[in-house]
Amino acid sequence: MKYIKIGTLISAIIFMVGCSHYNKTGFNQVTKRNWHSMGYTDKEGYNISGYSDDGYDREGYDKYGYDIENYDKSGFNDYGYNRDRYDRNGYKKDGWNDDGWNKQGINKETNTRYDKYGWSIDYKNEQTKTLYDEYGWSYFGINKKTETKYDEKGYKIDGTNRETGTRYDKNGWSREEVNKVTKTFYDKEGYSIYGYSKEGYNNFGYNREGYDKEGYDRKGYSRQGYSKEGYNRKGHDNQGYDKKGYNNIGYDRQGYDKNGYDEKGLDREGFNRKKLYIGEVVKDKNGSIPN
């Protein structure tokens, strides 16, 4: 009885040691045999390394990472092309991508570095040599100033207005300043988007500079600063005289002030305000020679 117990104990120890060589998938690390199938593959037919007799793992790839059709997990074969015959950069075997560019940046349609719209493969404009065209739009329709899909007036690159969803704003004008009704630069009343007629005058009769057809502004002055009567804002004509005939220091064209005296104090007859000149002798109006 004693020997039986010892034998049982030894068998258990051997069994436990043997079990310690099996991994979690049931394969013996030493013998390479599977605990569940008692063979060199598991019940699903995969060996200790995870490959079937055909050399493929459960996901269908061999030890080099390719499936039975010679494509890797990312979908490319050992030549670098996917099932649609594109390489990893999107180019076909003929050298062109779907947008019509080759790896050297040449456009298939124009045979130049720019497409028919004037954009390069790296989205630079042919005229400006920048990421924006002459109107401030990028290849992707982003406006340079606003950094949005709309410009400062609220239009997209294709001319669609943000508020109306059409090519015309709520007042009936397009981005190109064409009127919706007349299809011209002027509305049915004959005025542009800025309110001026073909002749350049608004409905008040003034042009952009603020002058009417006769050349006078709203206050009645010409570009030279004179009214129709010939006087400026200070009331003087182009010679410096007001409507009464006096200049800004109070003298008329003959050089006399309102009291009839010139700058020396003499009247038109040569008399001084207080004294009379006779030769070199000064007398007053009574004829006396002052002391």
Protein backbone atom coordinates (compact mmCIF):
# COMPACT_ATOMS: atom_id res chain seq x y z
CA MET A 1 0.00 0.00 0.00
CA LYS A 2 2.84 2.28 0.87
CA TYR A 3 4.50 1.64 -2.46
CA ILE A 4 1.29 2.32 -4.33
CA LYS A 5 1.01 5.77 -2.77
CA ILE A 6 4.61 6.57 -3.63
CA GLY A 7 4.05 5.48 -7.23
CA THR A 8 0.93 7.58 -7.51
CA LEU A 9 2.82 10.58 -6.12
CA ILE A 10 5.66 10.15 -8.62
CA SER A 11 3.17 9.88 -11.51
CA ALA A 12 1.47 13.09 -10.40
CA ILE A 13 4.78 14.90 -10.23
CA ILE A 14 5.71 13.68 -13.72
CA PHE A 15 2.27 14.77 -14.99
CA MET A 16 2.62 18.23 -13.47
CA VAL A 17 6.11 18.69 -14.87
CA GLY A 18 4.88 17.61 -18.27
CA CYS A 19 2.00 20.09 -18.13
CA SER A 20 4.37 22.93 -17.33
CA HIS A 21 5.79 22.65 -20.88
CA TYR A 22 2.44 23.48 -22.54
CA ASN A 23 1.56 27.04 -23.55
CA LYS A 24 -1.87 28.60 -23.42
CA THR A 25 -2.76 27.29 -26.88
CA GLY A 26 -2.07 23.75 -25.75
CA PHE A 27 1.31 23.16 -27.45
CA ASN A 28 4.22 21.52 -25.72
CA GLN A 29 7.25 23.73 -25.95
CA VAL A 30 9.56 20.74 -26.13
CA THR A 31 7.72 18.21 -28.26
CA LYS A 32 5.73 20.78 -30.34
CA ARG A 33 2.68 18.52 -29.89
CA ASN A 34 -0.75 19.88 -29.07
CA TRP A 35 -2.45 18.82 -25.83
CA HIS A 36 -5.93 18.84 -27.37
CA SER A 37 -5.28 17.12 -30.70
CA MET A 38 -2.29 15.05 -29.52
CA GLY A 39 -0.70 15.98 -32.88
CA TYR A 40 1.63 18.69 -34.16
CA THR A 41 -1.24 21.00 -35.01
CA ASP A 42 -4.24 22.14 -32.99
CA LYS A 43 -7.78 21.09 -33.82
CA GLU A 44 -7.97 23.95 -36.37
CA GLY A 45 -4.87 22.78 -38.19
CA TYR A 46 -2.31 25.39 -37.01
CA ASN A 47 1.10 24.42 -35.57
CA ILE A 48 2.86 25.87 -32.57
CA SER A 49 4.06 28.84 -34.68
CA GLY A 50 0.49 29.58 -35.75
CA TYR A 51 0.75 28.44 -39.38
CA SER A 52 -1.23 25.82 -41.30
CA ASP A 53 0.34 23.15 -43.49
CA ASP A 54 -0.03 25.64 -46.38
CA GLY A 55 2.08 28.15 -44.49
CA TYR A 56 -0.61 30.73 -43.61
CA ASP A 57 -1.74 31.99 -40.19
CA ARG A 58 -5.30 32.44 -39.04
CA GLU A 59 -5.51 35.85 -40.78
CA GLY A 60 -4.33 34.31 -44.03
CA TYR A 61 -0.75 35.65 -44.13
CA ASP A 62 2.53 33.74 -44.43
CA LYS A 63 5.63 34.38 -42.34
CA TYR A 64 6.65 37.16 -44.75
CA GLY A 65 3.36 38.98 -44.23
CA TYR A 66 1.68 38.18 -47.58
CA ASP A 67 -1.60 36.40 -48.30
CA ILE A 68 -2.21 33.73 -50.91
CA GLU A 69 -2.61 36.45 -53.59
CA ASN A 70 0.69 38.05 -52.56
CA TYR A 71 -0.79 41.13 -50.80
CA ASP A 72 0.24 42.30 -47.32
CA LYS A 73 -2.05 43.49 -44.56
CA SER A 74 -2.05 47.04 -45.92
CA GLY A 75 -3.20 45.72 -49.28
CA PHE A 76 0.02 46.02 -51.31
CA ASN A 77 2.01 43.28 -53.05
CA ASP A 78 5.78 42.89 -53.07
CA TYR A 79 5.92 45.15 -56.14
CA GLY A 80 4.34 47.96 -54.12
CA TYR A 81 0.89 48.01 -55.81
CA ASN A 82 -2.57 47.29 -54.39
CA ARG A 83 -5.36 45.37 -56.03
CA ASP A 84 -6.48 48.50 -57.87
CA ARG A 85 -2.95 48.83 -59.30
CA TYR A 86 -2.01 51.93 -57.29
CA ASP A 87 1.23 52.31 -55.33
CA ARG A 88 1.36 53.67 -51.81
CA ASN A 89 1.48 57.25 -53.09
CA GLY A 90 -1.56 56.86 -55.31
CA TYR A 91 0.19 56.42 -58.67
CA LYS A 92 -0.68 53.72 -61.19
CA LYS A 93 1.83 51.63 -63.09
CA ASP A 94 1.63 54.04 -66.00
CA GLY A 95 2.98 56.77 -63.70
CA TRP A 96 -0.16 58.94 -63.36
CA ASN A 97 -2.51 59.42 -60.41
CA ASP A 98 -6.25 59.96 -60.64
CA ASP A 99 -5.81 63.74 -60.62
CA GLY A 100 -3.65 63.58 -63.73
CA TRP A 101 -0.20 64.16 -62.22
CA ASN A 102 2.99 62.11 -62.40
CA LYS A 103 5.66 61.85 -59.72
CA GLN A 104 7.65 64.66 -61.34
CA GLY A 105 4.73 67.07 -60.93
CA ILE A 106 3.79 67.18 -64.63
CA ASN A 107 0.13 67.47 -65.51
CA LYS A 108 -1.09 64.86 -67.99
CA GLU A 109 -3.55 67.18 -69.74
CA THR A 110 -1.28 70.23 -70.18
CA ASN A 111 2.11 68.49 -70.12
CA THR A 112 3.34 71.32 -67.87
CA ARG A 113 3.72 71.82 -64.13
CA TYR A 114 0.29 73.49 -64.01
CA ASP A 115 -3.19 72.18 -64.80
CA LYS A 116 -5.64 73.95 -67.11
CA TYR A 117 -6.82 76.09 -64.20
CA GLY A 118 -3.30 77.27 -63.38
CA TRP A 119 -2.54 75.16 -60.27
CA SER A 120 0.51 72.98 -59.61
CA ILE A 121 0.60 69.59 -57.91
CA ASP A 122 1.54 71.32 -54.65
CA TYR A 123 -1.39 73.77 -55.05
CA LYS A 124 0.59 76.84 -56.10
CA ASN A 125 -0.86 79.30 -58.59
CA GLU A 126 0.84 79.75 -61.95
CA GLN A 127 0.54 83.56 -62.01
CA THR A 128 1.25 84.42 -58.39
CA LYS A 129 3.58 81.50 -57.58
CA THR A 130 1.88 81.37 -54.17
CA LEU A 131 -0.90 79.31 -52.59
CA TYR A 132 -3.43 81.99 -53.64
CA ASP A 133 -4.51 83.27 -57.05
CA GLU A 134 -4.70 86.94 -58.08
CA TYR A 135 -8.14 87.22 -56.50
CA GLY A 136 -7.01 85.81 -53.16
CA TRP A 137 -8.41 82.26 -53.45
CA SER A 138 -6.55 79.04 -52.73
CA TYR A 139 -6.85 75.78 -54.69
CA PHE A 140 -9.23 74.58 -51.98
CA GLY A 141 -11.45 77.67 -52.18
CA ILE A 142 -10.18 79.40 -49.04
CA ASN A 143 -10.04 83.18 -49.11
CA LYS A 144 -6.70 84.72 -48.13
CA LYS A 145 -8.14 87.69 -46.23
CA THR A 146 -10.95 85.97 -44.34
CA GLU A 147 -9.32 82.50 -44.09
CA THR A 148 -12.78 81.04 -44.75
CA LYS A 149 -14.72 79.83 -47.78
CA TYR A 150 -16.23 83.31 -48.13
CA ASP A 151 -14.62 86.60 -49.12
CA GLU A 152 -15.18 89.93 -47.40
CA LYS A 153 -18.38 90.49 -49.38
CA GLY A 154 -19.79 87.09 -48.43
CA TYR A 155 -19.17 85.19 -51.69
CA LYS A 156 -17.55 81.77 -52.24
CA ILE A 157 -14.96 81.09 -54.91
CA ASP A 158 -17.71 80.04 -57.33
CA GLY A 159 -19.60 83.28 -56.70
CA THR A 160 -22.31 81.83 -54.42
CA ASN A 161 -23.61 84.33 -51.86
CA ARG A 162 -23.64 83.22 -48.22
CA GLU A 163 -27.04 84.73 -47.38
CA THR A 164 -29.02 83.74 -50.46
CA GLY A 165 -27.22 80.60 -51.65
CA THR A 166 -27.32 82.00 -55.20
CA ARG A 167 -25.02 84.14 -57.32
CA TYR A 168 -26.91 87.27 -56.23
CA ASP A 169 -27.11 88.94 -52.81
CA LYS A 170 -30.36 89.99 -51.15
CA ASN A 171 -30.27 93.28 -53.07
CA GLY A 172 -29.94 91.51 -56.41
CA TRP A 173 -26.24 92.04 -57.15
CA SER A 174 -23.59 89.43 -58.00
CA ARG A 175 -19.99 89.44 -56.84
CA GLU A 176 -19.09 90.86 -60.26
CA GLU A 177 -21.58 93.68 -59.55
CA VAL A 178 -24.04 92.49 -62.21
CA ASN A 179 -27.73 93.15 -61.57
CA LYS A 180 -30.02 90.14 -61.32
CA VAL A 181 -32.88 91.72 -63.31
CA THR A 182 -31.02 93.55 -66.08
CA LYS A 183 -27.96 91.26 -66.27
CA THR A 184 -25.87 94.41 -66.65
CA PHE A 185 -23.87 96.62 -64.32
CA TYR A 186 -26.93 98.84 -63.86
CA ASP A 187 -30.37 98.23 -62.34
CA LYS A 188 -33.64 99.02 -64.10
CA GLU A 189 -33.41 102.62 -62.88
CA GLY A 190 -30.02 102.91 -64.52
CA TYR A 191 -27.83 102.90 -61.41
CA SER A 192 -24.89 100.66 -60.51
CA ILE A 193 -24.44 98.74 -57.26
CA TYR A 194 -22.81 101.90 -55.91
CA GLY A 195 -25.72 104.09 -57.00
CA TYR A 196 -24.19 105.80 -60.04
CA SER A 197 -25.47 106.03 -63.62
CA LYS A 198 -23.44 105.32 -66.76
CA GLU A 199 -22.61 109.03 -66.84
CA GLY A 200 -21.28 108.69 -63.32
CA TYR A 201 -23.95 110.57 -61.35
CA ASN A 202 -26.17 109.37 -58.49
CA ASN A 203 -29.87 110.07 -58.12
CA PHE A 204 -29.01 113.39 -56.45
CA GLY A 205 -27.04 114.44 -59.50
CA TYR A 206 -23.54 114.15 -58.05
CA ASN A 207 -20.59 112.01 -59.16
CA ARG A 208 -18.24 109.98 -56.96
CA GLU A 209 -16.18 113.08 -56.24
CA GLY A 210 -19.29 114.93 -55.12
CA TYR A 211 -19.74 117.31 -58.09
CA ASP A 212 -22.77 117.81 -60.33
CA LYS A 213 -22.74 118.06 -64.14
CA GLU A 214 -21.92 121.76 -63.93
CA GLY A 215 -18.97 121.03 -61.71
CA TYR A 216 -20.32 122.20 -58.36
CA ASP A 217 -20.56 120.27 -55.07
CA ARG A 218 -23.50 120.11 -52.67
CA LYS A 219 -22.55 123.44 -51.16
CA GLY A 220 -22.31 125.08 -54.56
CA TYR A 221 -18.54 125.25 -54.99
CA SER A 222 -16.41 124.14 -57.96
CA ARG A 223 -13.24 122.05 -57.81
CA GLN A 224 -11.33 125.31 -57.69
CA GLY A 225 -13.38 126.32 -54.69
CA TYR A 226 -15.59 129.01 -56.21
CA SER A 227 -19.37 129.40 -56.44
CA LYS A 228 -21.29 130.19 -59.61
CA GLU A 229 -21.02 133.87 -58.63
CA GLY A 230 -17.25 133.46 -58.46
CA TYR A 231 -16.68 133.58 -54.70
CA ASN A 232 -14.96 131.04 -52.42
CA ARG A 233 -16.08 129.81 -49.02
CA LYS A 234 -14.61 132.90 -47.40
CA GLY A 235 -16.56 135.13 -49.75
CA HIS A 236 -13.69 136.30 -51.97
CA ASP A 237 -13.23 136.06 -55.75
CA ASN A 238 -10.09 134.73 -57.42
CA GLN A 239 -8.44 138.14 -56.97
CA GLY A 240 -9.20 138.19 -53.28
CA TYR A 241 -12.13 140.66 -53.25
CA ASP A 242 -15.56 140.12 -51.64
CA LYS A 243 -18.95 141.00 -53.12
CA LYS A 244 -18.61 144.60 -51.95
CA GLY A 245 -15.24 144.89 -53.64
CA TYR A 246 -12.90 144.72 -50.65
CA ASN A 247 -10.02 142.29 -49.99
CA ASN A 248 -9.28 140.51 -46.74
CA ILE A 249 -7.46 143.52 -45.28
CA GLY A 250 -10.31 145.88 -46.16
CA TYR A 251 -9.18 147.68 -49.35
CA ASP A 252 -10.92 147.90 -52.72
CA ARG A 253 -9.30 147.40 -56.11
CA GLN A 254 -8.10 151.04 -56.11
CA GLY A 255 -6.52 150.55 -52.74
CA TYR A 256 -9.02 152.46 -50.58
CA ASP A 257 -10.87 151.23 -47.50
CA LYS A 258 -14.55 151.66 -46.70
CA ASN A 259 -13.86 155.18 -45.43
CA GLY A 260 -12.09 156.17 -48.63
CA TYR A 261 -8.48 156.14 -47.38
CA ASP A 262 -5.48 154.17 -48.68
CA GLU A 263 -2.80 152.47 -46.60
CA LYS A 264 -1.04 155.84 -46.08
CA GLY A 265 -4.19 157.41 -44.77
CA LEU A 266 -4.83 159.54 -47.84
CA ASP A 267 -8.19 159.89 -49.50
CA ARG A 268 -8.78 159.95 -53.27
CA GLU A 269 -8.04 163.71 -53.37
CA GLY A 270 -4.75 163.30 -51.61
CA PHE A 271 -5.87 164.61 -48.23
CA ASN A 272 -4.69 162.94 -45.07
CA ARG A 273 -7.21 161.97 -42.46
CA LYS A 274 -5.95 164.85 -40.30
CA LYS A 275 -3.36 166.73 -42.38
CA LEU A 276 -2.98 168.31 -45.80
CA TYR A 277 0.19 167.74 -47.88
CA ILE A 278 1.46 170.81 -49.79
CA GLY A 279 4.80 170.13 -51.30
CA GLU A 280 7.02 169.01 -48.45
CA VAL A 281 5.14 171.13 -45.92
CA VAL A 282 2.39 169.36 -44.04
CA LYS A 283 -0.67 171.48 -43.21
CA ASP A 284 -3.95 170.47 -41.75
CA LYS A 285 -7.22 171.01 -43.60
CA ASN A 286 -7.55 174.53 -42.15
CA GLY A 287 -4.31 175.51 -43.89
CA SER A 288 -2.36 175.88 -40.63
CA ILE A 289 1.06 174.41 -40.19
CA PRO A 290 0.98 172.35 -37.08
CA ASN A 291 3.55 172.81 -34.39
